[in-house]
Amino acid sequence: MKKTLKDKLSDKLVNAFLKNKIISAIPKKFTKKLTEADKFRKLCESKIKEPVIGFKVGGTGFPLMKKLKEKEPFYASIYKRNFLKSGKRVKINKYVLGIEVEVCYLIKKIFFTYKKVITMKNVTKFISHMAPCIEVVGYRQKRKGITSYGELSSDFGVNVKFLIGKKKKFKKINISNLKANISNKKIKQNINGNTNAVYVNPLNSLRFVLNKIKKDKTNLGKDFYVFTGSTVGVVPILGKGLYTGKIEKLGSVKAIIS
């Protein structure tokens, strides 16, 4: 059976993902609308037979959402191959968009058997641990900048690597107003942020993605991570070396950019 253009393009993007390559930009008809981009992403993800360790929420900043005329964020699967411990090295290319600091939650597998809607009142009962993390974001295509959520979503949610700091057992804190920061002392780059920049707050972002996972009938059958979105926006990587991310009451996480 002859492959469609969509199938051929998804094969190319999957190959780029697996072999760390860059391909030509995917035609806009597959990425302009977020609904079509999500279908393309799911097609790509279905072709990767590697362990999924969790999910990321992207596009959680209201200013960007308003600018690109979107009503809600998007999400994508995170594969074990892109999940690193704090302090590991990440090699970047010119199509990397930047670096982010996020709140990460470890979710109990009992979530997959829960039948009701996830709300702000019941979401916390599924969380076992929380941690600070760094996400390096970038395309596997010859694109620069952000012109639509579809471009981001279709390219595996543009996640390059995730680095996680020390996990802490979950306890209820005021997650809506925690100071955040990312810095590279060598080049004197220092950016401040706050957890309130994340789709109201990280717990609301978590609620959003858990309901999306439930709607898509996804079941990993194990505990999994959710990365809830950047507290500092997409921070341009102005130089190589050690980047340190900090979130008040959660701790710190590091990445060596090369």
Protein backbone atom coordinates (compact mmCIF):
# COMPACT_ATOMS: atom_id res chain seq x y z
CA MET A 1 0.00 0.00 0.00
CA LYS A 2 1.36 3.40 -1.02
CA LYS A 3 2.24 5.70 1.85
CA THR A 4 0.53 9.06 2.20
CA LEU A 5 2.53 12.29 2.47
CA LYS A 6 1.57 12.47 6.15
CA ASP A 7 2.99 8.98 6.72
CA LYS A 8 6.22 9.78 4.90
CA LEU A 9 6.72 13.01 6.83
CA SER A 10 6.04 11.31 10.14
CA ASP A 11 8.64 8.65 9.26
CA LYS A 12 11.19 11.41 8.61
CA LEU A 13 10.45 13.20 11.89
CA VAL A 14 10.57 9.95 13.87
CA ASN A 15 13.94 9.15 12.31
CA ALA A 16 15.18 12.65 13.21
CA PHE A 17 13.97 12.14 16.78
CA LEU A 18 15.67 8.75 17.15
CA LYS A 19 18.94 9.70 15.46
CA ASN A 20 19.21 13.31 16.67
CA LYS A 21 19.03 14.80 13.18
CA ILE A 22 17.49 17.91 11.65
CA ILE A 23 15.07 17.75 8.71
CA SER A 24 13.30 20.31 6.54
CA ALA A 25 10.26 21.98 8.07
CA ILE A 26 6.99 20.04 7.90
CA PRO A 27 4.38 21.73 5.65
CA LYS A 28 2.11 24.14 7.51
CA LYS A 29 -1.05 22.24 6.60
CA PHE A 30 0.00 19.65 9.20
CA THR A 31 1.01 22.15 11.87
CA LYS A 32 -0.99 25.38 11.55
CA LYS A 33 -4.00 24.11 13.53
CA LEU A 34 -3.29 22.55 16.90
CA THR A 35 -5.91 19.85 16.36
CA GLU A 36 -4.16 18.65 13.18
CA ALA A 37 -0.73 19.00 14.77
CA ASP A 38 -1.82 16.81 17.70
CA LYS A 39 -2.94 14.11 15.26
CA PHE A 40 0.44 14.28 13.55
CA ARG A 41 2.25 14.09 16.90
CA LYS A 42 0.25 11.04 17.95
CA LEU A 43 1.03 9.37 14.63
CA CYS A 44 4.74 9.97 15.20
CA GLU A 45 4.58 8.76 18.79
CA SER A 46 2.80 5.57 17.70
CA LYS A 47 5.87 4.68 15.61
CA ILE A 48 8.34 4.87 18.51
CA LYS A 49 8.63 1.60 20.40
CA GLU A 50 10.56 2.94 23.37
CA PRO A 51 9.57 3.46 27.02
CA VAL A 52 7.46 6.54 27.85
CA ILE A 53 8.19 7.91 31.33
CA GLY A 54 5.60 10.68 31.37
CA PHE A 55 4.17 13.74 29.68
CA LYS A 56 4.91 17.44 29.31
CA VAL A 57 2.51 20.36 29.15
CA GLY A 58 3.58 23.10 26.75
CA GLY A 59 2.38 26.59 25.92
CA THR A 60 1.26 27.29 29.49
CA GLY A 61 2.04 31.01 29.49
CA PHE A 62 -1.04 33.20 29.02
CA PRO A 63 0.80 35.97 27.10
CA LEU A 64 1.98 33.49 24.45
CA MET A 65 -1.41 31.81 24.39
CA LYS A 66 -3.07 35.16 23.74
CA LYS A 67 -0.51 36.17 21.10
CA LEU A 68 -0.98 32.94 19.13
CA LYS A 69 -4.76 32.91 19.69
CA GLU A 70 -4.91 29.59 21.50
CA LYS A 71 -7.37 28.68 24.24
CA GLU A 72 -5.38 26.02 26.08
CA PRO A 73 -1.93 24.40 26.23
CA PHE A 74 -0.86 21.19 24.49
CA TYR A 75 0.88 18.06 25.72
CA ALA A 76 3.29 15.40 24.45
CA SER A 77 4.86 12.14 25.59
CA ILE A 78 8.31 12.09 27.19
CA TYR A 79 10.59 9.16 26.38
CA LYS A 80 13.14 7.60 28.72
CA ARG A 81 15.96 8.43 26.28
CA ASN A 82 15.38 12.17 26.89
CA PHE A 83 15.14 11.97 30.68
CA LEU A 84 18.36 12.77 32.59
CA LYS A 85 19.52 13.34 36.14
CA SER A 86 20.51 16.82 37.30
CA GLY A 87 23.99 17.89 36.23
CA LYS A 88 24.17 15.90 33.00
CA ARG A 89 25.41 17.36 29.71
CA VAL A 90 23.08 18.40 26.87
CA LYS A 91 24.45 19.11 23.41
CA ILE A 92 22.48 21.73 21.51
CA ASN A 93 22.19 23.00 17.93
CA LYS A 94 21.02 26.25 16.34
CA TYR A 95 17.39 25.09 16.29
CA VAL A 96 17.15 24.93 20.08
CA LEU A 97 14.67 27.54 21.32
CA GLY A 98 15.85 27.83 24.89
CA ILE A 99 15.86 26.46 28.42
CA GLU A 100 13.08 26.36 31.02
CA VAL A 101 12.60 25.67 34.74
CA GLU A 102 9.52 23.67 35.69
CA VAL A 103 7.67 21.94 38.50
CA CYS A 104 7.56 18.19 37.97
CA TYR A 105 5.14 15.75 39.63
CA LEU A 106 5.41 11.98 39.97
CA ILE A 107 1.93 10.50 39.54
CA LYS A 108 0.73 7.21 41.00
CA LYS A 109 -0.40 4.56 38.53
CA ILE A 110 -3.77 4.30 40.29
CA PHE A 111 -4.67 7.38 38.24
CA PHE A 112 -5.23 5.13 35.22
CA THR A 113 -8.07 3.26 36.96
CA TYR A 114 -9.81 6.41 38.21
CA LYS A 115 -13.04 6.96 36.27
CA LYS A 116 -14.06 10.49 37.30
CA VAL A 117 -12.94 13.90 36.04
CA ILE A 118 -9.77 15.29 37.61
CA THR A 119 -10.45 18.50 39.53
CA MET A 120 -8.39 20.88 41.64
CA LYS A 121 -9.90 19.20 44.72
CA ASN A 122 -8.93 15.62 43.86
CA VAL A 123 -5.77 16.04 41.75
CA THR A 124 -3.40 15.99 44.74
CA LYS A 125 -4.34 12.46 45.79
CA PHE A 126 -2.54 11.09 42.73
CA ILE A 127 0.78 12.84 43.44
CA SER A 128 3.53 10.94 45.25
CA HIS A 129 6.53 13.27 44.74
CA MET A 130 7.45 16.67 43.33
CA ALA A 131 10.72 18.11 42.02
CA PRO A 132 12.29 21.00 40.10
CA CYS A 133 13.34 20.23 36.56
CA ILE A 134 14.99 21.82 33.54
CA GLU A 135 13.65 21.37 30.03
CA VAL A 136 15.77 22.14 26.98
CA VAL A 137 13.36 22.90 24.14
CA GLY A 138 14.01 22.87 20.41
CA TYR A 139 12.97 21.65 16.99
CA ARG A 140 14.12 18.65 15.00
CA GLN A 141 13.25 20.74 11.95
CA LYS A 142 14.78 23.75 10.26
CA ARG A 143 12.62 26.26 12.11
CA LYS A 144 13.42 29.26 14.26
CA GLY A 145 11.14 31.04 16.68
CA ILE A 146 7.53 30.21 17.54
CA THR A 147 4.66 31.07 15.18
CA SER A 148 2.06 28.51 16.30
CA TYR A 149 1.36 25.92 18.97
CA GLY A 150 0.97 23.41 16.16
CA GLU A 151 4.64 23.77 15.21
CA LEU A 152 5.59 23.02 18.81
CA SER A 153 3.17 20.16 19.40
CA SER A 154 3.80 18.34 16.12
CA ASP A 155 7.56 18.16 16.77
CA PHE A 156 7.22 15.90 19.84
CA GLY A 157 6.29 18.96 21.91
CA VAL A 158 9.79 20.33 21.07
CA ASN A 159 11.27 18.57 24.09
CA VAL A 160 14.99 17.94 23.61
CA LYS A 161 15.96 16.87 27.15
CA PHE A 162 14.51 16.91 30.66
CA LEU A 163 16.78 17.03 33.71
CA ILE A 164 15.27 16.37 37.11
CA GLY A 165 16.42 17.58 40.52
CA LYS A 166 16.00 15.78 43.83
CA LYS A 167 12.46 14.48 44.37
CA LYS A 168 10.58 15.32 47.56
CA LYS A 169 7.52 13.59 48.96
CA PHE A 170 4.48 15.61 47.99
CA LYS A 171 3.00 17.98 50.51
CA LYS A 172 0.52 20.78 49.98
CA ILE A 173 2.22 24.14 49.62
CA ASN A 174 1.18 27.42 48.00
CA ILE A 175 2.31 26.34 44.53
CA SER A 176 0.65 29.42 43.01
CA ASN A 177 3.31 31.85 44.16
CA LEU A 178 6.82 30.39 44.37
CA LYS A 179 9.86 32.29 43.15
CA ALA A 180 11.85 30.67 40.33
CA ASN A 181 15.17 31.44 38.68
CA ILE A 182 17.59 30.16 36.08
CA SER A 183 21.17 31.37 35.76
CA ASN A 184 24.51 30.83 34.09
CA LYS A 185 27.09 32.59 36.26
CA LYS A 186 29.86 32.24 33.70
CA ILE A 187 28.08 34.50 31.18
CA LYS A 188 26.18 36.49 33.82
CA GLN A 189 22.77 35.40 32.56
CA ASN A 190 20.12 35.52 35.28
CA ILE A 191 16.34 35.26 34.76
CA ASN A 192 13.66 35.35 37.46
CA GLY A 193 10.19 33.88 37.27
CA ASN A 194 7.30 32.56 39.33
CA THR A 195 5.09 29.48 39.39
CA ASN A 196 2.07 31.73 38.75
CA ALA A 197 3.26 32.00 35.14
CA VAL A 198 2.23 28.37 34.58
CA TYR A 199 -1.41 28.19 33.39
CA VAL A 200 -2.67 29.76 36.67
CA ASN A 201 -0.36 27.39 38.58
CA PRO A 202 1.43 24.02 38.13
CA LEU A 203 -1.38 22.05 39.80
CA ASN A 204 -3.89 23.45 37.33
CA SER A 205 -1.52 22.51 34.51
CA LEU A 206 -1.33 18.99 35.97
CA ARG A 207 -5.12 18.79 36.18
CA PHE A 208 -5.34 19.84 32.53
CA VAL A 209 -2.99 17.17 31.20
CA LEU A 210 -4.39 14.35 33.36
CA ASN A 211 -7.82 14.97 31.88
CA LYS A 212 -6.32 15.00 28.37
CA ILE A 213 -4.57 11.67 29.04
CA LYS A 214 -7.82 10.24 30.34
CA LYS A 215 -9.72 11.48 27.28
CA ASP A 216 -7.12 9.89 24.97
CA LYS A 217 -7.46 6.60 26.91
CA THR A 218 -3.71 6.42 27.49
CA ASN A 219 -2.54 3.89 30.09
CA LEU A 220 1.16 3.45 30.88
CA GLY A 221 0.39 0.96 33.64
CA LYS A 222 3.03 2.47 35.94
CA ASP A 223 3.87 5.61 37.90
CA PHE A 224 4.76 8.49 35.57
CA TYR A 225 6.06 12.06 35.50
CA VAL A 226 4.25 15.21 34.45
CA PHE A 227 6.27 18.33 33.60
CA THR A 228 3.92 21.25 34.04
CA GLY A 229 5.38 24.15 32.03
CA SER A 230 7.96 26.90 32.39
CA THR A 231 8.05 29.22 35.38
CA VAL A 232 10.50 31.56 33.59
CA GLY A 233 9.30 31.38 29.98
CA VAL A 234 11.53 30.13 27.18
CA VAL A 235 14.92 31.55 28.17
CA PRO A 236 17.38 31.90 25.24
CA ILE A 237 20.63 29.99 25.74
CA LEU A 238 23.17 32.80 25.37
CA GLY A 239 26.23 30.72 26.15
CA LYS A 240 27.43 27.26 27.02
CA GLY A 241 28.31 25.94 30.44
CA LEU A 242 26.41 25.26 33.66
CA TYR A 243 22.80 26.43 33.99
CA THR A 244 21.19 26.22 37.43
CA GLY A 245 17.44 26.31 37.91
CA LYS A 246 15.84 27.00 41.28
CA ILE A 247 12.27 26.87 42.53
CA GLU A 248 11.49 28.13 46.03
CA LYS A 249 10.70 25.31 48.51
CA LEU A 250 11.45 22.64 45.86
CA GLY A 251 15.21 22.98 45.40
CA SER A 252 17.56 23.23 42.45
CA VAL A 253 18.44 21.40 39.23
CA LYS A 254 21.43 21.74 36.90
CA ALA A 255 22.26 21.22 33.23
CA ILE A 256 25.58 21.53 31.42
CA ILE A 257 24.95 22.98 27.96
CA SER A 258 27.55 22.20 25.29
